[in-house]
Amino acid sequence: MMGAIPGDDLAEEDEKPQHLVRITEDFLIGQLEVTQEQYERVLGHNPAWFQPQGDGARQVASLPTTRQLPVEMVSWSDAVLFCRVLSEFPEEQAAGRTYRLPTEAEWEYACRAGTTTRFSFGPSFDGEQANMDRVMDRPVQGGRYPPNSLRLYDMHGNVLEWCSNWHSDSWYQESPEEDPLGPPEPDGDFHVLRGGGWKFPAASCSFRDRIMTSLRGSSHGFRVVCEVSAPDSTGESPADDSSGSE
């Protein structure tokens, strides 16, 4: 069941109504949010606010490194570019792996992890289960807080996570039951972020934020979905065109 649980008076209208969703294909999703180190390896630079060269350097001055903190200051377009470039790495093509952002339905399924409460860890938040509501004044390294029952970390808090979907206030009233991909027509240049962040009030499993596609913020991050296809008989993925043709 996707969306705000009945009786959740703190839920926004775009989190309603709760509705049944069926995800018909297995999917692999990152156990952690993409880190500064991973982002720099793929795209060649580190945009994070919370790093020694960033505007948030003071808050991380006591850390030996920020490389394992989740990357932030990432727009939706940046996150999509990361997935595309990573998918083009020869070793990823040889293994038949491609990367993308999760759909909202996939994200919420992964966050809920079979639970039916407001949060995956229960009905309320007391500051011990996740980095949100300014428990910390910055993101923290993944794995500091307990994972959910799918062994996924920081589905609540730390950084907001971009999804592939455009945002629409009325989408939950119109969504198909099977493998919803989001509205074909957006209600403006907004994509969806889920999970809340370090400086946001405690965000439930159904919490949705809408942010302009090009906007970067100190709590805007992401995690990836990996799709795996069988390599061909030469050990190369079908997506790996070695002929040189365009």
Protein backbone atom coordinates (compact mmCIF):
# COMPACT_ATOMS: atom_id res chain seq x y z
CA MET A 1 0.00 0.00 0.00
CA MET A 2 1.52 3.28 -1.15
CA GLY A 3 0.81 6.69 0.33
CA ALA A 4 -0.10 8.12 3.73
CA ILE A 5 -1.54 5.64 6.19
CA PRO A 6 -5.15 6.35 7.28
CA GLY A 7 -5.24 8.75 10.19
CA ASP A 8 -1.88 10.39 9.44
CA ASP A 9 -2.88 13.98 10.16
CA LEU A 10 0.62 15.25 9.31
CA ALA A 11 0.51 13.96 5.74
CA GLU A 12 0.19 16.41 2.85
CA GLU A 13 -2.62 16.10 0.31
CA ASP A 14 -0.24 14.88 -2.42
CA GLU A 15 0.48 11.81 -0.24
CA LYS A 16 -3.18 10.74 -0.49
CA PRO A 17 -5.07 8.55 -1.03
CA GLN A 18 -3.31 5.39 0.06
CA HIS A 19 -3.56 2.98 -2.86
CA LEU A 20 -2.46 -0.48 -3.92
CA VAL A 21 0.62 -0.71 -6.16
CA ARG A 22 2.07 -3.83 -7.76
CA ILE A 23 5.73 -3.89 -8.75
CA THR A 24 5.97 -6.78 -11.19
CA GLU A 25 9.75 -7.03 -11.64
CA ASP A 26 12.49 -7.61 -9.11
CA PHE A 27 14.88 -4.70 -8.70
CA LEU A 28 18.20 -3.99 -6.99
CA ILE A 29 18.53 -0.75 -5.05
CA GLY A 30 21.57 0.76 -3.34
CA GLN A 31 22.00 -0.23 0.28
CA LEU A 32 23.39 3.27 0.89
CA GLU A 33 23.01 6.70 -0.64
CA VAL A 34 25.61 7.57 -3.29
CA THR A 35 28.72 8.94 -1.57
CA GLN A 36 30.99 11.86 -2.38
CA GLU A 37 33.74 9.40 -3.32
CA GLN A 38 31.50 7.47 -5.72
CA TYR A 39 30.17 10.63 -7.33
CA GLU A 40 33.66 12.01 -7.93
CA ARG A 41 34.87 8.70 -9.36
CA VAL A 42 32.06 8.72 -11.92
CA LEU A 43 31.75 12.42 -12.83
CA GLY A 44 35.20 13.73 -11.89
CA HIS A 45 34.22 16.34 -9.31
CA ASN A 46 32.71 16.61 -5.84
CA PRO A 47 29.87 19.17 -5.61
CA ALA A 48 29.13 18.57 -1.92
CA TRP A 49 28.52 21.44 0.46
CA PHE A 50 29.91 19.35 3.33
CA GLN A 51 33.51 18.78 2.25
CA PRO A 52 36.79 20.62 2.93
CA GLN A 53 36.38 22.80 -0.18
CA GLY A 54 32.66 23.33 0.29
CA ASP A 55 30.65 26.04 1.97
CA GLY A 56 29.91 23.62 4.83
CA ALA A 57 33.59 22.95 5.56
CA ARG A 58 33.26 24.19 9.14
CA GLN A 59 30.71 21.52 10.04
CA VAL A 60 32.99 18.71 8.84
CA ALA A 61 36.35 20.13 9.95
CA SER A 62 36.70 17.51 12.70
CA LEU A 63 36.23 14.56 10.32
CA PRO A 64 39.30 12.76 8.93
CA THR A 65 37.52 12.59 5.56
CA THR A 66 34.14 13.35 4.05
CA ARG A 67 34.53 10.87 1.19
CA GLN A 68 32.01 8.43 2.65
CA LEU A 69 29.35 11.02 3.41
CA PRO A 70 26.40 11.03 1.01
CA VAL A 71 26.91 13.46 -1.83
CA GLU A 72 24.56 16.45 -1.90
CA MET A 73 24.21 19.65 -3.90
CA VAL A 74 22.97 17.36 -6.67
CA SER A 75 20.12 18.26 -9.03
CA TRP A 76 17.80 15.70 -10.62
CA SER A 77 19.67 16.22 -13.90
CA ASP A 78 22.99 15.60 -12.12
CA ALA A 79 21.69 12.34 -10.65
CA VAL A 80 20.42 11.15 -14.05
CA LEU A 81 23.79 12.02 -15.60
CA PHE A 82 25.59 10.03 -12.90
CA CYS A 83 23.47 6.96 -13.71
CA ARG A 84 24.09 7.32 -17.44
CA VAL A 85 27.85 7.75 -17.15
CA LEU A 86 28.19 4.91 -14.64
CA SER A 87 26.20 2.66 -16.99
CA GLU A 88 28.75 3.43 -19.72
CA PHE A 89 31.75 2.22 -17.71
CA PRO A 90 33.26 -0.76 -19.60
CA GLU A 91 33.17 -3.00 -16.53
CA GLU A 92 29.48 -2.22 -15.98
CA GLN A 93 28.63 -2.90 -19.63
CA ALA A 94 30.64 -6.15 -19.56
CA ALA A 95 28.61 -7.28 -16.54
CA GLY A 96 25.32 -6.23 -18.14
CA ARG A 97 24.57 -3.63 -15.47
CA THR A 98 22.75 -0.36 -16.09
CA TYR A 99 21.79 2.25 -13.50
CA ARG A 100 18.85 4.60 -13.04
CA LEU A 101 16.90 6.43 -10.37
CA PRO A 102 14.14 4.50 -8.61
CA THR A 103 10.51 5.19 -9.33
CA GLU A 104 8.50 6.52 -6.40
CA ALA A 105 6.76 3.17 -6.07
CA GLU A 106 10.07 1.30 -5.92
CA TRP A 107 11.44 3.81 -3.44
CA GLU A 108 8.47 3.57 -1.10
CA TYR A 109 8.42 -0.23 -1.28
CA ALA A 110 12.11 -0.24 -0.31
CA CYS A 111 11.53 2.27 2.49
CA ARG A 112 8.50 0.55 3.98
CA ALA A 113 10.20 -2.86 3.88
CA GLY A 114 6.93 -4.64 4.59
CA THR A 115 5.82 -2.35 7.42
CA THR A 116 2.50 -0.52 7.70
CA THR A 117 3.44 2.15 10.25
CA ARG A 118 4.17 5.83 9.61
CA PHE A 119 7.90 5.12 9.67
CA SER A 120 9.57 1.84 8.79
CA PHE A 121 10.84 1.71 12.39
CA GLY A 122 7.44 2.33 14.00
CA PRO A 123 4.74 4.94 14.54
CA SER A 124 6.95 7.73 15.89
CA PHE A 125 10.44 9.24 15.73
CA ASP A 126 12.43 10.03 18.88
CA GLY A 127 15.77 11.09 17.39
CA GLU A 128 17.47 7.71 17.68
CA GLN A 129 16.46 6.02 14.42
CA ALA A 130 17.58 8.41 11.68
CA ASN A 131 19.39 11.68 10.93
CA MET A 132 16.46 14.02 10.48
CA ASP A 133 14.79 16.91 12.26
CA ARG A 134 18.28 18.41 12.84
CA VAL A 135 19.50 15.58 15.08
CA MET A 136 22.81 16.43 13.40
CA ASP A 137 23.73 19.68 11.64
CA ARG A 138 24.93 17.81 8.53
CA PRO A 139 24.68 14.45 6.75
CA VAL A 140 26.50 11.51 8.32
CA GLN A 141 28.20 8.44 6.88
CA GLY A 142 25.78 5.70 5.88
CA GLY A 143 25.43 2.84 8.34
CA ARG A 144 25.40 4.96 11.50
CA TYR A 145 21.71 4.27 12.09
CA PRO A 146 19.99 0.86 12.05
CA PRO A 147 18.88 -0.44 8.63
CA ASN A 148 15.33 -1.46 7.84
CA SER A 149 14.36 -5.11 7.45
CA LEU A 150 15.62 -5.11 3.83
CA ARG A 151 19.07 -4.06 5.15
CA LEU A 152 18.76 -0.62 3.54
CA TYR A 153 20.23 2.36 5.38
CA ASP A 154 19.00 5.96 5.64
CA MET A 155 15.75 5.51 3.77
CA HIS A 156 14.59 8.05 6.34
CA GLY A 157 16.67 11.21 6.67
CA ASN A 158 20.33 12.04 5.98
CA VAL A 159 19.70 13.42 2.45
CA LEU A 160 16.58 13.68 0.33
CA GLU A 161 16.62 11.17 -2.53
CA TRP A 162 15.66 11.99 -6.11
CA CYS A 163 13.22 9.64 -7.85
CA SER A 164 12.63 9.33 -11.57
CA ASN A 165 9.06 10.64 -11.39
CA TRP A 166 7.74 14.02 -12.31
CA HIS A 167 5.60 15.47 -9.53
CA SER A 168 1.85 15.95 -9.71
CA ASP A 169 -0.41 16.79 -6.78
CA SER A 170 -3.14 14.52 -8.15
CA TRP A 171 -0.97 11.58 -9.20
CA TYR A 172 -2.08 9.24 -6.40
CA GLN A 173 -5.68 9.67 -7.52
CA GLU A 174 -4.75 8.71 -11.10
CA SER A 175 -1.88 6.23 -10.68
CA PRO A 176 -2.22 2.83 -12.35
CA GLU A 177 -1.92 -0.13 -10.03
CA GLU A 178 0.86 -1.91 -11.93
CA ASP A 179 4.40 -0.47 -12.15
CA PRO A 180 3.47 3.24 -11.97
CA LEU A 181 6.11 5.44 -13.59
CA GLY A 182 4.67 8.79 -12.57
CA PRO A 183 2.61 11.32 -14.48
CA PRO A 184 3.37 11.69 -18.20
CA GLU A 185 2.68 15.42 -17.90
CA PRO A 186 4.19 17.32 -14.94
CA ASP A 187 2.44 20.16 -13.14
CA GLY A 188 5.54 22.30 -13.61
CA ASP A 189 9.26 21.57 -13.81
CA PHE A 190 9.33 19.52 -10.60
CA HIS A 191 10.65 16.06 -9.81
CA VAL A 192 10.02 14.11 -6.62
CA LEU A 193 12.40 13.63 -3.70
CA ARG A 194 11.68 11.18 -0.91
CA GLY A 195 12.87 10.31 2.57
CA GLY A 196 13.46 13.71 4.09
CA GLY A 197 16.87 15.00 5.11
CA TRP A 198 19.06 16.02 8.02
CA LYS A 199 17.49 19.48 8.37
CA PHE A 200 13.88 18.47 7.60
CA PRO A 201 11.13 17.57 10.08
CA ALA A 202 10.77 13.82 10.58
CA ALA A 203 9.70 12.40 7.21
CA SER A 204 7.36 9.41 7.04
CA CYS A 205 7.50 6.58 4.50
CA SER A 206 4.98 8.48 2.37
CA PHE A 207 6.63 11.92 2.57
CA ARG A 208 7.04 13.57 -0.84
CA ASP A 209 8.89 16.74 -1.71
CA ARG A 210 8.82 18.47 -5.09
CA ILE A 211 11.88 20.34 -6.24
CA MET A 212 12.74 22.02 -9.52
CA THR A 213 14.72 19.70 -11.80
CA SER A 214 17.78 21.96 -11.88
CA LEU A 215 17.86 22.92 -8.19
CA ARG A 216 20.77 21.82 -6.01
CA GLY A 217 20.63 21.87 -2.21
CA SER A 218 22.71 20.79 0.77
CA SER A 219 20.26 17.97 1.46
CA HIS A 220 19.60 16.84 -2.14
CA GLY A 221 21.12 13.41 -2.84
CA PHE A 222 20.10 10.06 -4.32
CA ARG A 223 20.57 6.31 -4.42
CA VAL A 224 20.50 4.15 -7.54
CA VAL A 225 18.66 1.17 -8.93
CA CYS A 226 20.72 -1.37 -10.85
CA GLU A 227 19.22 -3.39 -13.70
CA VAL A 228 21.09 -6.52 -14.74
CA SER A 229 20.93 -8.22 -18.14
CA ALA A 230 22.83 -11.30 -19.26
CA PRO A 231 26.11 -10.56 -21.09
CA ASP A 232 26.35 -11.97 -24.61
CA SER A 233 28.56 -14.94 -25.53
CA THR A 234 31.64 -12.70 -25.85
CA GLY A 235 31.25 -11.56 -22.25
CA GLU A 236 29.98 -8.15 -23.33
CA SER A 237 26.60 -6.70 -22.55
CA PRO A 238 24.23 -6.28 -25.49
CA ALA A 239 24.42 -2.55 -24.71
CA ASP A 240 28.17 -2.59 -25.36
CA ASP A 241 28.55 -1.83 -29.09
CA SER A 242 32.18 -2.54 -29.94
CA SER A 243 31.69 -2.09 -33.68
CA GLY A 244 32.27 1.65 -33.50
CA SER A 245 28.98 2.39 -35.27
CA GLU A 246 26.73 5.16 -34.05
